[in-house]
Amino acid sequence: MRLKIPAIYCFVTLITYSLITSGVYAFTIDANQQEQQTSNIEQTESKDTLAEKSPETKDNPAEANQNKTKKIKEDKHDSHQHQVVIKPPVDAFTQQQSDIEHYLAPDKVSPILVGSVKYLITTNKHTTAINKGVMVLIPDWQQSIASPNAVNQLQQNLPAYGWTTITLHPPHQPANYPSRAFTEQERSTENSESLTSYGKKIAKIMQAVLEQAQSYPGVIIVVAEGSHSAVLLDIYQQALVDAPSAMVMLSSYMPTLPESDKLARQLAATDYPIFDLYLKRDHRLVLNNAKLRKDYAKRAMKAYYRQKQLSNQVTGYYPKNSLTKEIIGWLSAIGW
């Protein structure tokens, strides 16, 4: 028993000491936490007291609200300042006009105003002693004033044969043509409305171009490419613009069947000479439309109508110099 009593006594003493030490440490931590919380509360109350005593919030609460609103806006601006803003692309017609004014010689490019809209024309004067007349060149939809398909070579070559050329940069294809409506009746109505509106616009532009062409001596011949041939034939048949002395059609077609048939009927009803050219390697619709026009012209026994197919290597591109020679040869055949 004497050996066990000291051991028990030591054990009890150790436990008692541990409990006393833990209680003192816990009390110290609680005291520090309470002191820190009290300090935070005092600091907050001090800030509130200063804010209440501040003349900006006490005397002018509206200004304080404005400052608060301004800070919120600045925070929002900071959160969005790294966002990338993508601007919409420039209109293709406007971009082409900018390119024309930038790259072509300024003495050849001149603007014409139709209402408040600006259109561009280029003029290449004849290089011979006698001017035979003026050829007004109209590129196809979406094409530039220097289209390499056909118009560009005519601008370069025709002045050497005594012809002054005036080339128009025309407006682009109507946005809603051809129509994508569900029923055939809706498509027909929308197509008719789109082409009627576009035809009136072209008529005003052509009137301004003809005023430029009439300042030169000789006859006026219109050379129209693609769908513009059909649009011009329509406005001439409606007498919206004076008909030319003659007309040259290059790869003419319309993308819809009713308009293709209308083009053939109007061509057969004209009383001025027409030279209808197309290519061996051309747009599929061009080849189909060419046969339709020839059939209508035969039935109407149109005397001053000639259609010819030219051989080419690159689809849609007229062979170099051949186009000019064909037009000059046809004009000589009819007496010009």
Protein backbone atom coordinates (compact mmCIF):
# COMPACT_ATOMS: atom_id res chain seq x y z
CA MET A 1 0.00 0.00 0.00
CA ARG A 2 2.83 2.40 0.66
CA LEU A 3 4.01 2.00 -2.94
CA LYS A 4 0.52 2.75 -4.41
CA ILE A 5 -0.30 5.87 -2.36
CA PRO A 6 2.43 8.11 -3.84
CA ALA A 7 1.45 7.04 -7.37
CA ILE A 8 -2.19 7.93 -6.86
CA TYR A 9 -1.21 11.17 -5.25
CA CYS A 10 1.01 12.10 -8.20
CA PHE A 11 -1.76 11.25 -10.65
CA VAL A 12 -4.33 13.41 -8.85
CA THR A 13 -1.86 16.25 -8.60
CA LEU A 14 -1.10 16.09 -12.36
CA ILE A 15 -4.78 16.20 -13.32
CA THR A 16 -5.46 19.10 -10.98
CA TYR A 17 -2.57 21.07 -12.42
CA SER A 18 -3.76 20.41 -16.00
CA LEU A 19 -7.28 21.61 -15.28
CA ILE A 20 -6.01 24.79 -13.61
CA THR A 21 -3.66 25.56 -16.53
CA SER A 22 -6.39 24.96 -19.20
CA GLY A 23 -8.85 27.22 -17.36
CA VAL A 24 -6.36 30.07 -17.11
CA TYR A 25 -5.47 29.77 -20.85
CA ALA A 26 -9.11 29.68 -21.88
CA PHE A 27 -9.89 32.68 -19.72
CA THR A 28 -7.01 34.58 -21.34
CA ILE A 29 -8.28 33.78 -24.86
CA ASP A 30 -11.85 34.78 -24.01
CA ALA A 31 -10.61 38.02 -22.53
CA ASN A 32 -8.57 38.82 -25.66
CA GLN A 33 -11.52 38.05 -27.97
CA GLN A 34 -13.86 40.20 -25.92
CA GLU A 35 -11.32 43.02 -25.95
CA GLN A 36 -10.92 42.76 -29.76
CA GLN A 37 -14.69 42.74 -30.32
CA THR A 38 -15.05 45.76 -28.04
CA SER A 39 -12.34 47.56 -30.02
CA ASN A 40 -14.11 46.81 -33.35
CA ILE A 41 -17.42 48.05 -31.99
CA GLU A 42 -15.79 51.25 -30.76
CA GLN A 43 -14.15 51.84 -34.16
CA THR A 44 -17.47 51.31 -35.97
CA GLU A 45 -19.28 53.65 -33.62
CA SER A 46 -16.50 56.19 -34.10
CA LYS A 47 -16.91 56.04 -37.91
CA ASP A 48 -20.67 56.36 -37.63
CA THR A 49 -20.26 59.31 -35.31
CA LEU A 50 -17.87 61.00 -37.73
CA ALA A 51 -20.25 60.31 -40.62
CA GLU A 52 -23.10 61.85 -38.67
CA LYS A 53 -20.95 64.84 -37.81
CA SER A 54 -19.65 65.18 -41.42
CA PRO A 55 -21.04 68.29 -43.10
CA GLU A 56 -21.51 66.39 -46.44
CA THR A 57 -24.00 63.94 -44.92
CA LYS A 58 -25.51 66.22 -42.31
CA ASP A 59 -25.88 69.44 -44.26
CA ASN A 60 -26.13 68.06 -47.84
CA PRO A 61 -27.61 64.54 -47.99
CA ALA A 62 -28.39 64.91 -51.74
CA GLU A 63 -24.69 65.33 -52.53
CA ALA A 64 -23.90 62.26 -50.48
CA ASN A 65 -26.42 60.25 -52.50
CA GLN A 66 -24.89 61.55 -55.72
CA ASN A 67 -21.43 60.49 -54.59
CA LYS A 68 -22.76 57.07 -53.71
CA THR A 69 -24.44 56.73 -57.13
CA LYS A 70 -21.27 57.91 -58.86
CA LYS A 71 -19.21 55.32 -57.01
CA ILE A 72 -21.63 52.56 -58.06
CA LYS A 73 -21.37 53.66 -61.70
CA GLU A 74 -17.59 53.73 -61.51
CA ASP A 75 -17.57 50.23 -60.08
CA LYS A 76 -19.82 49.05 -62.94
CA HIS A 77 -17.57 50.80 -65.49
CA ASP A 78 -14.51 49.14 -64.02
CA SER A 79 -16.19 45.75 -64.24
CA HIS A 80 -17.01 46.26 -67.97
CA GLN A 81 -13.93 48.14 -69.14
CA HIS A 82 -12.23 44.95 -70.35
CA GLN A 83 -15.15 43.82 -72.51
CA VAL A 84 -14.45 43.79 -76.29
CA VAL A 85 -16.93 45.79 -78.41
CA ILE A 86 -17.34 44.39 -81.95
CA LYS A 87 -18.71 46.94 -84.41
CA PRO A 88 -20.94 45.79 -87.30
CA PRO A 89 -19.24 45.49 -90.72
CA VAL A 90 -19.31 48.40 -93.15
CA ASP A 91 -21.97 48.23 -95.85
CA ALA A 92 -20.53 46.57 -98.98
CA PHE A 93 -21.72 49.35 -101.29
CA THR A 94 -20.13 52.03 -99.09
CA GLN A 95 -16.91 50.01 -98.88
CA GLN A 96 -16.76 49.73 -102.67
CA GLN A 97 -17.25 53.47 -103.02
CA SER A 98 -14.37 54.10 -100.61
CA ASP A 99 -12.14 51.74 -102.59
CA ILE A 100 -13.05 53.42 -105.88
CA GLU A 101 -12.22 56.89 -104.55
CA HIS A 102 -8.98 55.61 -103.02
CA TYR A 103 -7.53 53.52 -105.84
CA LEU A 104 -8.75 55.13 -109.07
CA ALA A 105 -7.40 58.35 -110.52
CA PRO A 106 -9.24 61.36 -109.02
CA ASP A 107 -9.59 63.07 -112.43
CA LYS A 108 -11.63 60.12 -113.76
CA VAL A 109 -13.95 59.59 -110.79
CA SER A 110 -16.79 62.02 -110.18
CA PRO A 111 -19.86 61.86 -107.92
CA ILE A 112 -23.47 62.37 -108.94
CA LEU A 113 -26.20 63.14 -106.45
CA VAL A 114 -29.61 61.49 -106.72
CA GLY A 115 -31.61 63.10 -103.96
CA SER A 116 -29.30 62.90 -100.96
CA VAL A 117 -27.49 59.72 -102.05
CA LYS A 118 -24.09 59.85 -103.74
CA TYR A 119 -23.19 57.57 -106.64
CA LEU A 120 -19.89 57.39 -108.48
CA ILE A 121 -19.12 57.36 -112.20
CA THR A 122 -15.85 57.09 -114.08
CA THR A 123 -15.31 58.76 -117.44
CA ASN A 124 -12.80 57.69 -120.11
CA LYS A 125 -12.80 60.08 -123.05
CA HIS A 126 -12.23 58.99 -126.63
CA THR A 127 -8.65 59.10 -127.92
CA THR A 128 -9.52 59.62 -131.61
CA ALA A 129 -10.10 62.80 -133.58
CA ILE A 130 -13.83 62.17 -133.87
CA ASN A 131 -16.09 61.05 -131.04
CA LYS A 132 -18.63 58.51 -132.27
CA GLY A 133 -20.73 58.66 -129.12
CA VAL A 134 -20.97 57.55 -125.50
CA MET A 135 -21.24 54.06 -124.10
CA VAL A 136 -22.81 53.89 -120.64
CA LEU A 137 -21.47 50.81 -118.86
CA ILE A 138 -23.53 49.23 -116.05
CA PRO A 139 -21.92 46.36 -114.07
CA ASP A 140 -23.99 43.55 -112.60
CA TRP A 141 -25.37 43.50 -109.07
CA GLN A 142 -22.71 43.57 -106.35
CA GLN A 143 -19.99 44.34 -108.93
CA SER A 144 -17.60 47.25 -108.68
CA ILE A 145 -17.08 50.01 -111.20
CA ALA A 146 -13.89 48.25 -112.34
CA SER A 147 -15.35 44.76 -112.61
CA PRO A 148 -12.84 42.51 -114.39
CA ASN A 149 -15.56 40.27 -115.85
CA ALA A 150 -16.27 42.59 -118.77
CA VAL A 151 -16.60 46.26 -117.87
CA ASN A 152 -12.94 46.92 -117.15
CA GLN A 153 -11.72 45.86 -120.61
CA LEU A 154 -14.41 47.98 -122.29
CA GLN A 155 -13.28 51.05 -120.36
CA GLN A 156 -9.72 50.46 -121.55
CA ASN A 157 -10.40 49.52 -125.17
CA LEU A 158 -13.41 51.49 -126.41
CA PRO A 159 -11.82 54.99 -126.29
CA ALA A 160 -9.35 53.86 -128.96
CA TYR A 161 -12.32 53.20 -131.29
CA GLY A 162 -13.76 56.69 -130.81
CA TRP A 163 -16.17 55.99 -127.95
CA THR A 164 -16.31 57.80 -124.63
CA THR A 165 -17.26 55.51 -121.75
CA ILE A 166 -19.18 56.47 -118.62
CA THR A 167 -19.26 53.67 -116.06
CA LEU A 168 -21.75 53.73 -113.18
CA HIS A 169 -21.27 52.12 -109.78
CA PRO A 170 -24.89 50.96 -109.35
CA PRO A 171 -26.73 50.15 -106.12
CA HIS A 172 -26.63 46.57 -104.96
CA GLN A 173 -29.28 43.90 -105.38
CA PRO A 174 -32.54 44.46 -103.46
CA ALA A 175 -32.33 42.88 -100.02
CA ASN A 176 -35.61 40.96 -100.38
CA TYR A 177 -35.08 39.65 -103.91
CA PRO A 178 -35.52 36.81 -104.61
CA SER A 179 -38.18 36.41 -101.94
CA ARG A 180 -37.98 33.53 -99.46
CA ALA A 181 -41.68 33.52 -98.61
CA PHE A 182 -43.44 30.17 -98.09
CA THR A 183 -46.14 30.34 -100.78
CA GLU A 184 -45.71 31.09 -104.47
CA GLN A 185 -48.24 33.93 -104.32
CA GLU A 186 -46.34 35.66 -101.50
CA ARG A 187 -43.02 35.23 -103.33
CA SER A 188 -44.47 36.68 -106.53
CA THR A 189 -45.91 39.70 -104.71
CA GLU A 190 -42.73 40.43 -102.77
CA ASN A 191 -40.53 40.03 -105.85
CA SER A 192 -42.72 42.39 -107.83
CA GLU A 193 -42.64 45.02 -105.09
CA SER A 194 -38.87 44.75 -104.66
CA LEU A 195 -38.12 45.07 -108.37
CA THR A 196 -40.60 47.92 -108.83
CA SER A 197 -38.97 49.91 -106.05
CA TYR A 198 -35.49 49.12 -107.36
CA GLY A 199 -36.49 50.03 -110.91
CA LYS A 200 -37.65 53.48 -109.81
CA LYS A 201 -34.34 54.03 -108.03
CA ILE A 202 -32.35 52.96 -111.11
CA ALA A 203 -34.50 55.20 -113.32
CA LYS A 204 -33.53 58.28 -111.28
CA ILE A 205 -29.88 57.30 -111.33
CA MET A 206 -29.89 56.65 -115.09
CA GLN A 207 -31.53 60.02 -115.69
CA ALA A 208 -28.60 61.70 -113.92
CA VAL A 209 -26.10 59.57 -115.87
CA LEU A 210 -27.77 60.43 -119.20
CA GLU A 211 -27.44 64.12 -118.39
CA GLN A 212 -23.69 63.54 -118.11
CA ALA A 213 -23.63 61.55 -121.36
CA GLN A 214 -25.55 64.21 -123.30
CA SER A 215 -22.69 66.66 -122.78
CA TYR A 216 -20.74 64.64 -125.40
CA PRO A 217 -21.64 64.46 -129.10
CA GLY A 218 -22.89 61.32 -130.82
CA VAL A 219 -25.29 58.52 -129.95
CA ILE A 220 -25.76 56.95 -126.53
CA ILE A 221 -25.45 53.18 -126.20
CA VAL A 222 -26.06 51.28 -122.97
CA VAL A 223 -24.00 48.20 -122.10
CA ALA A 224 -25.61 46.37 -119.17
CA GLU A 225 -24.33 43.26 -117.44
CA GLY A 226 -26.30 40.48 -115.73
CA SER A 227 -29.63 41.30 -114.10
CA HIS A 228 -29.30 45.01 -114.76
CA SER A 229 -30.13 44.29 -118.40
CA ALA A 230 -33.59 43.15 -117.34
CA VAL A 231 -34.09 46.07 -114.94
CA LEU A 232 -33.13 48.60 -117.64
CA LEU A 233 -35.35 46.99 -120.26
CA ASP A 234 -38.25 47.26 -117.83
CA ILE A 235 -37.77 50.97 -117.10
CA TYR A 236 -37.35 51.68 -120.83
CA GLN A 237 -40.62 49.87 -121.59
CA GLN A 238 -42.35 51.91 -118.88
CA ALA A 239 -40.88 55.12 -120.38
CA LEU A 240 -39.37 56.08 -117.02
CA VAL A 241 -36.18 56.98 -118.92
CA ASP A 242 -35.54 57.70 -122.58
CA ALA A 243 -34.49 54.56 -124.43
CA PRO A 244 -30.91 54.42 -125.76
CA SER A 245 -29.95 54.35 -129.43
CA ALA A 246 -28.87 50.72 -128.96
CA MET A 247 -28.26 48.26 -126.15
CA VAL A 248 -25.69 45.56 -125.48
CA MET A 249 -26.62 42.82 -123.00
CA LEU A 250 -23.85 40.83 -121.32
CA SER A 251 -24.73 37.46 -119.73
CA SER A 252 -28.24 38.62 -118.96
CA TYR A 253 -30.52 36.64 -116.68
CA MET A 254 -32.98 36.89 -113.82
CA PRO A 255 -32.94 34.43 -110.89
CA THR A 256 -36.71 33.80 -110.94
CA LEU A 257 -38.82 32.27 -113.74
CA PRO A 258 -41.56 34.96 -114.00
CA GLU A 259 -38.95 37.71 -114.31
CA SER A 260 -36.97 35.69 -116.86
CA ASP A 261 -40.08 35.31 -119.00
CA LYS A 262 -40.83 39.02 -118.62
CA LEU A 263 -37.31 39.88 -119.77
CA ALA A 264 -37.73 37.80 -122.94
CA ARG A 265 -41.13 39.34 -123.75
CA GLN A 266 -39.92 42.91 -123.21
CA LEU A 267 -36.83 42.29 -125.33
CA ALA A 268 -38.98 41.07 -128.22
CA ALA A 269 -41.15 44.19 -127.98
CA THR A 270 -38.30 46.72 -128.23
CA ASP A 271 -37.78 48.83 -131.34
CA TYR A 272 -34.07 49.66 -130.86
CA PRO A 273 -31.13 47.37 -131.78
CA ILE A 274 -30.01 44.85 -129.16
CA PHE A 275 -26.84 42.78 -129.14
CA ASP A 276 -27.23 39.82 -126.76
CA LEU A 277 -23.89 38.27 -125.73
CA TYR A 278 -23.23 35.37 -123.40
CA LEU A 279 -20.43 32.89 -122.73
CA LYS A 280 -19.91 29.20 -123.38
CA ARG A 281 -18.84 28.80 -119.73
CA ASP A 282 -21.36 31.00 -118.01
CA HIS A 283 -23.84 30.96 -115.15
CA ARG A 284 -26.39 28.14 -115.51
CA LEU A 285 -29.31 30.58 -115.52
CA VAL A 286 -27.62 32.69 -118.20
CA LEU A 287 -27.62 29.75 -120.61
CA ASN A 288 -31.28 28.94 -119.94
CA ASN A 289 -32.39 32.57 -120.25
CA ALA A 290 -30.48 33.07 -123.51
CA LYS A 291 -32.47 30.37 -125.29
CA LEU A 292 -35.74 31.81 -124.01
CA ARG A 293 -34.89 35.29 -125.30
CA LYS A 294 -33.92 34.00 -128.71
CA ASP A 295 -37.19 32.08 -129.08
CA TYR A 296 -39.27 35.17 -128.21
CA ALA A 297 -37.25 37.35 -130.61
CA LYS A 298 -37.81 34.89 -133.46
CA ARG A 299 -41.56 34.76 -132.86
CA ALA A 300 -41.74 38.55 -132.80
CA MET A 301 -39.52 38.74 -135.93
CA LYS A 302 -37.34 41.37 -134.29
CA ALA A 303 -35.04 42.58 -137.05
CA TYR A 304 -32.35 44.38 -135.07
CA TYR A 305 -31.60 41.59 -132.64
CA ARG A 306 -28.50 39.47 -132.63
CA GLN A 307 -27.43 36.85 -130.13
CA LYS A 308 -23.96 35.36 -129.97
CA GLN A 309 -22.08 32.99 -127.70
CA LEU A 310 -18.38 33.64 -127.05
CA SER A 311 -15.81 31.03 -126.09
CA ASN A 312 -14.00 31.59 -122.80
CA GLN A 313 -11.64 29.82 -120.44
CA VAL A 314 -12.61 31.20 -117.02
CA THR A 315 -16.29 30.87 -116.10
CA GLY A 316 -18.07 34.24 -116.19
CA TYR A 317 -15.10 36.18 -117.60
CA TYR A 318 -15.19 37.51 -121.16
CA PRO A 319 -12.04 36.78 -123.21
CA LYS A 320 -9.58 39.67 -123.37
CA ASN A 321 -10.16 42.04 -126.32
CA SER A 322 -12.72 39.72 -127.95
CA LEU A 323 -15.64 41.47 -126.30
CA THR A 324 -14.59 44.88 -127.61
CA LYS A 325 -14.11 43.58 -131.15
CA GLU A 326 -17.52 41.87 -131.13
CA ILE A 327 -19.30 45.07 -130.06
CA ILE A 328 -17.43 47.25 -132.58
CA GLY A 329 -18.12 44.72 -135.36
CA TRP A 330 -21.86 44.66 -134.54
CA LEU A 331 -22.05 48.46 -134.51
CA SER A 332 -20.35 48.58 -137.90
CA ALA A 333 -22.85 46.03 -139.24
CA ILE A 334 -25.82 48.23 -138.29
CA GLY A 335 -24.19 51.35 -139.68
CA TRP A 336 -22.28 52.88 -136.76
